[in-house]
Amino acid sequence: MSWRHPRLWRYARVRRRVADRFVAGEGLEIGALHSPFPVPASARVRYVDRMPTARLRAEYPELAAEPLVEVDVVEDGETLAGIAGGSQDFVIASHFLEHCEDPIGALEAHLRVLRPGGVLLLALPDRRRGIDARRAPTPVTHLLADHADGGAGSRAQHYREWAELVDLPLGTVGPEGVAARAAALQARRYAIHFHAWTLEELAALLEHLDLPAAVVQRRANQHEFLVVLRRS
């Protein structure tokens, strides 16, 4: 057995334990694609995405060999506008919040659809341990500005940063192609990582916001971290 297997097993175990403790009843997972969060057998999950499953396959050809979950609800995961308030026992947003142009608005929307006592389970990549390693943390002032205009004012900046600090080091594009790459991604409204945090940085953001919820779990998990909020 290679060293990778125990790491993957421990990673999955942390996720299962957090879900077993906090996820129950009926709820939603947003943007699961090929990697749905493990939940207890008694929990009923409906999968939400911005496109039907067939269109998601076309949008993400790199996942051609992976089985995707069947999308139950076609909806903007940042707003959940078609989901009634106070109707869900849980919302899972696994590796989703970093893709939101307005993370504060997304958090408010996810909490809005929860019943009192319901939980929002967030999983996010630790920016130090993956493709965001060259990026600075997103400050609160930037997030408040994005909340004010839905991210429109910083959109071009985010795509340029992604092309320079992610695609260029990965070899996806050369130095001369950074501007064109950023423009092409923006034209497609491709779901890049608009924002990046560590666990401590996101926790500081949550403390700054006046959200109707309390953090009941914070947990590092190798390349990611988990945060659970309970709706008050």
C-alpha atoms as a PDB file:
ATOM      1  CA  MET A   1       0.000   0.000   0.000  1.00  0.00           C
ATOM      2  CA  SER A   2       1.386   3.431  -0.924  1.00  0.00           C
ATOM      3  CA  TRP A   3       1.559   6.321   1.531  1.00  0.00           C
ATOM      4  CA  ARG A   4      -1.330   7.960  -0.309  1.00  0.00           C
ATOM      5  CA  HIS A   5      -3.923   5.427   0.788  1.00  0.00           C
ATOM      6  CA  PRO A   6      -3.775   6.137   4.542  1.00  0.00           C
ATOM      7  CA  ARG A   7      -3.964   9.886   3.845  1.00  0.00           C
ATOM      8  CA  LEU A   8      -7.056   9.468   1.676  1.00  0.00           C
ATOM      9  CA  TRP A   9      -8.634   7.226   4.303  1.00  0.00           C
ATOM     10  CA  ARG A  10      -8.026   9.774   7.073  1.00  0.00           C
ATOM     11  CA  TYR A  11      -9.328  12.598   4.864  1.00  0.00           C
ATOM     12  CA  ALA A  12     -12.556  10.707   4.168  1.00  0.00           C
ATOM     13  CA  ARG A  13     -12.910   9.693   7.837  1.00  0.00           C
ATOM     14  CA  VAL A  14     -12.835  13.324   9.026  1.00  0.00           C
ATOM     15  CA  ARG A  15     -15.535  14.226   6.511  1.00  0.00           C
ATOM     16  CA  ARG A  16     -17.730  11.280   7.560  1.00  0.00           C
ATOM     17  CA  ARG A  17     -17.378  12.059  11.254  1.00  0.00           C
ATOM     18  CA  VAL A  18     -18.343  15.697  10.806  1.00  0.00           C
ATOM     19  CA  ALA A  19     -21.337  14.735   8.673  1.00  0.00           C
ATOM     20  CA  ASP A  20     -22.428  12.021  11.105  1.00  0.00           C
ATOM     21  CA  ARG A  21     -22.416  14.564  13.916  1.00  0.00           C
ATOM     22  CA  PHE A  22     -24.166  17.461  12.202  1.00  0.00           C
ATOM     23  CA  VAL A  23     -26.086  16.347   9.090  1.00  0.00           C
ATOM     24  CA  ALA A  24     -29.611  14.990   9.601  1.00  0.00           C
ATOM     25  CA  GLY A  25     -33.046  15.296   8.042  1.00  0.00           C
ATOM     26  CA  GLU A  26     -33.600  16.772   4.588  1.00  0.00           C
ATOM     27  CA  GLY A  27     -31.348  19.262   2.883  1.00  0.00           C
ATOM     28  CA  LEU A  28     -29.301  20.395  -0.073  1.00  0.00           C
ATOM     29  CA  GLU A  29     -25.786  20.021  -1.392  1.00  0.00           C
ATOM     30  CA  ILE A  30     -24.611  22.709  -3.788  1.00  0.00           C
ATOM     31  CA  GLY A  31     -22.221  21.998  -6.650  1.00  0.00           C
ATOM     32  CA  ALA A  32     -21.354  18.405  -5.756  1.00  0.00           C
ATOM     33  CA  LEU A  33     -20.361  17.409  -9.324  1.00  0.00           C
ATOM     34  CA  HIS A  34     -18.272  14.195  -9.028  1.00  0.00           C
ATOM     35  CA  SER A  35     -17.520  14.476  -5.313  1.00  0.00           C
ATOM     36  CA  PRO A  36     -20.652  14.524  -3.145  1.00  0.00           C
ATOM     37  CA  PHE A  37     -20.053  14.998   0.559  1.00  0.00           C
ATOM     38  CA  PRO A  38     -20.576  11.762   2.542  1.00  0.00           C
ATOM     39  CA  VAL A  39     -23.731  11.918   4.644  1.00  0.00           C
ATOM     40  CA  PRO A  40     -25.495   9.486   6.994  1.00  0.00           C
ATOM     41  CA  ALA A  41     -27.784   6.994   5.285  1.00  0.00           C
ATOM     42  CA  SER A  42     -30.774   8.518   7.084  1.00  0.00           C
ATOM     43  CA  ALA A  43     -30.210  11.979   5.565  1.00  0.00           C
ATOM     44  CA  ARG A  44     -32.023  12.924   2.371  1.00  0.00           C
ATOM     45  CA  VAL A  45     -29.978  15.119   0.030  1.00  0.00           C
ATOM     46  CA  ARG A  46     -31.141  16.997  -3.039  1.00  0.00           C
ATOM     47  CA  TYR A  47     -28.331  18.132  -5.329  1.00  0.00           C
ATOM     48  CA  VAL A  48     -28.342  21.731  -6.546  1.00  0.00           C
ATOM     49  CA  ASP A  49     -26.363  23.125  -9.463  1.00  0.00           C
ATOM     50  CA  ARG A  50     -26.592  25.982 -11.920  1.00  0.00           C
ATOM     51  CA  MET A  51     -26.920  23.608 -14.905  1.00  0.00           C
ATOM     52  CA  PRO A  52     -28.524  20.219 -15.549  1.00  0.00           C
ATOM     53  CA  THR A  53     -26.163  17.269 -15.380  1.00  0.00           C
ATOM     54  CA  ALA A  54     -25.750  16.978 -19.177  1.00  0.00           C
ATOM     55  CA  ARG A  55     -24.673  20.619 -19.473  1.00  0.00           C
ATOM     56  CA  LEU A  56     -22.266  20.249 -16.565  1.00  0.00           C
ATOM     57  CA  ARG A  57     -20.531  17.454 -18.484  1.00  0.00           C
ATOM     58  CA  ALA A  58     -20.011  19.817 -21.403  1.00  0.00           C
ATOM     59  CA  GLU A  59     -18.840  22.619 -19.089  1.00  0.00           C
ATOM     60  CA  TYR A  60     -16.248  20.413 -17.354  1.00  0.00           C
ATOM     61  CA  PRO A  61     -14.722  18.077 -19.967  1.00  0.00           C
ATOM     62  CA  GLU A  62     -11.885  17.336 -17.534  1.00  0.00           C
ATOM     63  CA  LEU A  63     -14.444  15.308 -15.540  1.00  0.00           C
ATOM     64  CA  ALA A  64     -15.433  13.140 -18.508  1.00  0.00           C
ATOM     65  CA  ALA A  65     -14.244   9.951 -16.795  1.00  0.00           C
ATOM     66  CA  GLU A  66     -15.943  10.774 -13.481  1.00  0.00           C
ATOM     67  CA  PRO A  67     -19.543   9.942 -12.529  1.00  0.00           C
ATOM     68  CA  LEU A  68     -21.492  13.115 -11.707  1.00  0.00           C
ATOM     69  CA  VAL A  69     -24.379  13.276  -9.274  1.00  0.00           C
ATOM     70  CA  GLU A  70     -27.754  13.807 -10.904  1.00  0.00           C
ATOM     71  CA  VAL A  71     -28.849  17.395 -10.379  1.00  0.00           C
ATOM     72  CA  ASP A  72     -32.242  17.540  -8.647  1.00  0.00           C
ATOM     73  CA  VAL A  73     -32.639  21.324  -8.535  1.00  0.00           C
ATOM     74  CA  VAL A  74     -31.308  23.680 -11.224  1.00  0.00           C
ATOM     75  CA  GLU A  75     -30.690  26.864  -9.289  1.00  0.00           C
ATOM     76  CA  ASP A  76     -28.036  29.506  -8.675  1.00  0.00           C
ATOM     77  CA  GLY A  77     -26.243  28.127  -5.632  1.00  0.00           C
ATOM     78  CA  GLU A  78     -25.166  31.607  -4.571  1.00  0.00           C
ATOM     79  CA  THR A  79     -28.733  32.874  -4.126  1.00  0.00           C
ATOM     80  CA  LEU A  80     -30.983  29.775  -3.850  1.00  0.00           C
ATOM     81  CA  ALA A  81     -33.727  32.136  -4.974  1.00  0.00           C
ATOM     82  CA  GLY A  82     -36.169  29.304  -5.724  1.00  0.00           C
ATOM     83  CA  ILE A  83     -35.756  27.621  -2.330  1.00  0.00           C
ATOM     84  CA  ALA A  84     -38.225  28.648   0.365  1.00  0.00           C
ATOM     85  CA  GLY A  85     -36.845  30.246   3.485  1.00  0.00           C
ATOM     86  CA  GLY A  86     -36.656  28.057   6.575  1.00  0.00           C
ATOM     87  CA  SER A  87     -37.316  24.896   4.566  1.00  0.00           C
ATOM     88  CA  GLN A  88     -34.094  22.870   4.974  1.00  0.00           C
ATOM     89  CA  ASP A  89     -32.430  20.990   7.816  1.00  0.00           C
ATOM     90  CA  PHE A  90     -28.971  21.359   6.272  1.00  0.00           C
ATOM     91  CA  VAL A  91     -27.063  22.905   3.407  1.00  0.00           C
ATOM     92  CA  ILE A  92     -23.698  21.509   2.309  1.00  0.00           C
ATOM     93  CA  ALA A  93     -21.393  23.745   0.272  1.00  0.00           C
ATOM     94  CA  SER A  94     -18.243  21.720  -0.334  1.00  0.00           C
ATOM     95  CA  HIS A  95     -15.528  23.586  -2.244  1.00  0.00           C
ATOM     96  CA  PHE A  96     -18.162  26.064  -3.352  1.00  0.00           C
ATOM     97  CA  LEU A  97     -17.784  29.308  -1.399  1.00  0.00           C
ATOM     98  CA  GLU A  98     -14.417  30.128  -2.999  1.00  0.00           C
ATOM     99  CA  HIS A  99     -16.192  30.039  -6.381  1.00  0.00           C
ATOM    100  CA  CYS A 100     -18.736  32.688  -5.310  1.00  0.00           C
ATOM    101  CA  GLU A 101     -18.313  36.240  -6.500  1.00  0.00           C
ATOM    102  CA  ASP A 102     -20.223  37.452  -3.433  1.00  0.00           C
ATOM    103  CA  PRO A 103     -19.381  35.066  -0.574  1.00  0.00           C
ATOM    104  CA  ILE A 104     -21.195  37.159   2.038  1.00  0.00           C
ATOM    105  CA  GLY A 105     -24.384  37.078  -0.026  1.00  0.00           C
ATOM    106  CA  ALA A 106     -23.987  33.337  -0.539  1.00  0.00           C
ATOM    107  CA  LEU A 107     -23.633  32.731   3.210  1.00  0.00           C
ATOM    108  CA  GLU A 108     -26.739  34.817   3.864  1.00  0.00           C
ATOM    109  CA  ALA A 109     -28.683  32.886   1.215  1.00  0.00           C
ATOM    110  CA  HIS A 110     -27.604  29.503   2.559  1.00  0.00           C
ATOM    111  CA  LEU A 111     -28.588  30.458   6.102  1.00  0.00           C
ATOM    112  CA  ARG A 112     -31.893  31.920   4.901  1.00  0.00           C
ATOM    113  CA  VAL A 113     -33.178  28.546   3.669  1.00  0.00           C
ATOM    114  CA  LEU A 114     -32.335  26.754   6.939  1.00  0.00           C
ATOM    115  CA  ARG A 115     -34.822  26.038   9.668  1.00  0.00           C
ATOM    116  CA  PRO A 116     -33.866  27.299  13.146  1.00  0.00           C
ATOM    117  CA  GLY A 117     -31.233  24.868  14.384  1.00  0.00           C
ATOM    118  CA  GLY A 118     -30.342  23.790  10.850  1.00  0.00           C
ATOM    119  CA  VAL A 119     -26.698  23.563   9.822  1.00  0.00           C
ATOM    120  CA  LEU A 120     -24.557  24.954   7.049  1.00  0.00           C
ATOM    121  CA  LEU A 121     -21.531  22.712   6.414  1.00  0.00           C
ATOM    122  CA  LEU A 122     -18.723  24.414   4.522  1.00  0.00           C
ATOM    123  CA  ALA A 123     -15.643  22.736   3.079  1.00  0.00           C
ATOM    124  CA  LEU A 124     -13.006  24.960   1.480  1.00  0.00           C
ATOM    125  CA  PRO A 125      -9.497  24.493   0.115  1.00  0.00           C
ATOM    126  CA  ASP A 126      -6.692  25.790   2.319  1.00  0.00           C
ATOM    127  CA  ARG A 127      -5.117  28.410   0.054  1.00  0.00           C
ATOM    128  CA  ARG A 128      -1.613  27.432   1.213  1.00  0.00           C
ATOM    129  CA  ARG A 129      -1.860  23.834   0.047  1.00  0.00           C
ATOM    130  CA  GLY A 130      -3.110  23.847  -3.526  1.00  0.00           C
ATOM    131  CA  ILE A 131      -3.488  25.906  -6.659  1.00  0.00           C
ATOM    132  CA  ASP A 132      -4.108  29.096  -4.653  1.00  0.00           C
ATOM    133  CA  ALA A 133      -0.708  28.935  -2.937  1.00  0.00           C
ATOM    134  CA  ARG A 134       0.567  32.097  -4.676  1.00  0.00           C
ATOM    135  CA  ARG A 135      -2.514  34.115  -3.844  1.00  0.00           C
ATOM    136  CA  ALA A 136      -3.079  36.497  -0.944  1.00  0.00           C
ATOM    137  CA  PRO A 137      -6.052  36.054   1.387  1.00  0.00           C
ATOM    138  CA  THR A 138      -9.168  37.975   0.465  1.00  0.00           C
ATOM    139  CA  PRO A 139      -9.539  40.840   2.980  1.00  0.00           C
ATOM    140  CA  VAL A 140     -12.833  41.758   4.609  1.00  0.00           C
ATOM    141  CA  THR A 141     -12.908  45.158   2.878  1.00  0.00           C
ATOM    142  CA  HIS A 142     -12.750  43.446  -0.522  1.00  0.00           C
ATOM    143  CA  LEU A 143     -15.553  41.047   0.421  1.00  0.00           C
ATOM    144  CA  LEU A 144     -17.760  43.894   1.618  1.00  0.00           C
ATOM    145  CA  ALA A 145     -17.233  45.669  -1.712  1.00  0.00           C
ATOM    146  CA  ASP A 146     -18.107  42.473  -3.574  1.00  0.00           C
ATOM    147  CA  HIS A 147     -21.236  42.181  -1.445  1.00  0.00           C
ATOM    148  CA  ALA A 148     -22.246  45.726  -2.343  1.00  0.00           C
ATOM    149  CA  ASP A 149     -22.053  45.190  -6.118  1.00  0.00           C
ATOM    150  CA  GLY A 150     -22.306  41.403  -6.476  1.00  0.00           C
ATOM    151  CA  GLY A 151     -18.644  41.176  -7.453  1.00  0.00           C
ATOM    152  CA  ALA A 152     -18.991  43.176 -10.670  1.00  0.00           C
ATOM    153  CA  GLY A 153     -16.343  45.734  -9.709  1.00  0.00           C
ATOM    154  CA  SER A 154     -13.620  43.169  -9.041  1.00  0.00           C
ATOM    155  CA  ARG A 155     -14.543  40.562 -11.660  1.00  0.00           C
ATOM    156  CA  ALA A 156     -11.888  41.454 -14.235  1.00  0.00           C
ATOM    157  CA  GLN A 157      -9.253  41.686 -11.481  1.00  0.00           C
ATOM    158  CA  HIS A 158     -10.135  38.198 -10.232  1.00  0.00           C
ATOM    159  CA  TYR A 159      -9.857  36.613 -13.668  1.00  0.00           C
ATOM    160  CA  ARG A 160      -6.532  38.350 -14.289  1.00  0.00           C
ATOM    161  CA  GLU A 161      -5.217  37.156 -10.923  1.00  0.00           C
ATOM    162  CA  TRP A 162      -6.319  33.599 -11.703  1.00  0.00           C
ATOM    163  CA  ALA A 163      -4.612  33.640 -15.096  1.00  0.00           C
ATOM    164  CA  GLU A 164      -1.370  35.067 -13.623  1.00  0.00           C
ATOM    165  CA  LEU A 165      -1.134  33.165 -10.327  1.00  0.00           C
ATOM    166  CA  VAL A 166      -2.805  29.847 -11.169  1.00  0.00           C
ATOM    167  CA  ASP A 167      -2.916  29.159 -14.909  1.00  0.00           C
ATOM    168  CA  LEU A 168       0.538  30.580 -15.669  1.00  0.00           C
ATOM    169  CA  PRO A 169       2.386  28.515 -12.999  1.00  0.00           C
ATOM    170  CA  LEU A 170       0.429  25.431 -14.046  1.00  0.00           C
ATOM    171  CA  GLY A 171       1.580  25.904 -17.632  1.00  0.00           C
ATOM    172  CA  THR A 172      -1.980  26.296 -18.912  1.00  0.00           C
ATOM    173  CA  VAL A 173      -0.918  29.534 -20.577  1.00  0.00           C
ATOM    174  CA  GLY A 174       2.352  31.338 -21.332  1.00  0.00           C
ATOM    175  CA  PRO A 175       3.239  34.865 -20.156  1.00  0.00           C
ATOM    176  CA  GLU A 176       2.133  36.364 -23.455  1.00  0.00           C
ATOM    177  CA  GLY A 177      -1.277  34.704 -23.179  1.00  0.00           C
ATOM    178  CA  VAL A 178      -2.287  35.770 -19.661  1.00  0.00           C
ATOM    179  CA  ALA A 179      -4.491  38.695 -20.712  1.00  0.00           C
ATOM    180  CA  ALA A 180      -6.271  36.672 -23.397  1.00  0.00           C
ATOM    181  CA  ARG A 181      -6.765  33.765 -21.009  1.00  0.00           C
ATOM    182  CA  ALA A 182      -8.308  36.060 -18.386  1.00  0.00           C
ATOM    183  CA  ALA A 183     -10.620  37.627 -20.976  1.00  0.00           C
ATOM    184  CA  ALA A 184     -11.709  34.226 -22.306  1.00  0.00           C
ATOM    185  CA  LEU A 185     -12.509  32.891 -18.837  1.00  0.00           C
ATOM    186  CA  GLN A 186     -14.452  36.023 -17.991  1.00  0.00           C
ATOM    187  CA  ALA A 187     -16.429  35.818 -21.229  1.00  0.00           C
ATOM    188  CA  ARG A 188     -17.474  32.274 -20.262  1.00  0.00           C
ATOM    189  CA  ARG A 189     -18.077  33.338 -16.634  1.00  0.00           C
ATOM    190  CA  TYR A 190     -16.031  30.264 -15.764  1.00  0.00           C
ATOM    191  CA  ALA A 191     -16.229  29.330 -12.083  1.00  0.00           C
ATOM    192  CA  ILE A 192     -12.686  30.086 -10.933  1.00  0.00           C
ATOM    193  CA  HIS A 193     -11.670  30.482  -7.293  1.00  0.00           C
ATOM    194  CA  PHE A 194     -12.622  34.130  -6.889  1.00  0.00           C
ATOM    195  CA  HIS A 195     -11.462  34.146  -3.256  1.00  0.00           C
ATOM    196  CA  ALA A 196      -8.990  32.240  -1.093  1.00  0.00           C
ATOM    197  CA  TRP A 197      -8.583  31.687   2.661  1.00  0.00           C
ATOM    198  CA  THR A 198      -7.092  29.586   5.405  1.00  0.00           C
ATOM    199  CA  LEU A 199      -9.279  28.303   8.236  1.00  0.00           C
ATOM    200  CA  GLU A 200      -8.156  31.129  10.506  1.00  0.00           C
ATOM    201  CA  GLU A 201      -8.814  33.766   7.829  1.00  0.00           C
ATOM    202  CA  LEU A 202     -12.331  32.532   7.126  1.00  0.00           C
ATOM    203  CA  ALA A 203     -13.049  32.263  10.863  1.00  0.00           C
ATOM    204  CA  ALA A 204     -12.036  35.912  11.269  1.00  0.00           C
ATOM    205  CA  LEU A 205     -14.399  36.874   8.437  1.00  0.00           C
ATOM    206  CA  LEU A 206     -17.296  34.998  10.042  1.00  0.00           C
ATOM    207  CA  GLU A 207     -16.643  36.748  13.359  1.00  0.00           C
ATOM    208  CA  HIS A 208     -16.759  40.101  11.564  1.00  0.00           C
ATOM    209  CA  LEU A 209     -20.137  39.435   9.935  1.00  0.00           C
ATOM    210  CA  ASP A 210     -23.476  39.733  11.688  1.00  0.00           C
ATOM    211  CA  LEU A 211     -24.832  36.380  10.556  1.00  0.00           C
ATOM    212  CA  PRO A 212     -27.817  34.648  12.214  1.00  0.00           C
ATOM    213  CA  ALA A 213     -25.714  31.608  13.070  1.00  0.00           C
ATOM    214  CA  ALA A 214     -22.978  30.370  15.380  1.00  0.00           C
ATOM    215  CA  VAL A 215     -19.861  28.415  14.411  1.00  0.00           C
ATOM    216  CA  VAL A 216     -20.138  25.010  16.094  1.00  0.00           C
ATOM    217  CA  GLN A 217     -17.248  23.191  14.387  1.00  0.00           C
ATOM    218  CA  ARG A 218     -13.903  24.177  12.861  1.00  0.00           C
ATOM    219  CA  ARG A 219     -11.640  21.444  11.557  1.00  0.00           C
ATOM    220  CA  ALA A 220      -8.534  21.310   9.369  1.00  0.00           C
ATOM    221  CA  ASN A 221      -8.516  18.318   7.021  1.00  0.00           C
ATOM    222  CA  GLN A 222      -5.261  18.032   5.060  1.00  0.00           C
ATOM    223  CA  HIS A 223      -5.616  20.266   1.974  1.00  0.00           C
ATOM    224  CA  GLU A 224      -9.015  21.606   3.056  1.00  0.00           C
ATOM    225  CA  PHE A 225     -10.858  22.798   6.143  1.00  0.00           C
ATOM    226  CA  LEU A 226     -14.409  22.344   7.408  1.00  0.00           C
ATOM    227  CA  VAL A 227     -16.630  24.866   9.169  1.00  0.00           C
ATOM    228  CA  VAL A 228     -20.132  24.161  10.478  1.00  0.00           C
ATOM    229  CA  LEU A 229     -22.568  26.948  11.346  1.00  0.00           C
ATOM    230  CA  ARG A 230     -25.857  26.398  13.187  1.00  0.00           C
ATOM    231  CA  ARG A 231     -28.797  28.673  12.331  1.00  0.00           C
ATOM    232  CA  SER A 232     -30.064  30.617  15.317  1.00  0.00           C
END
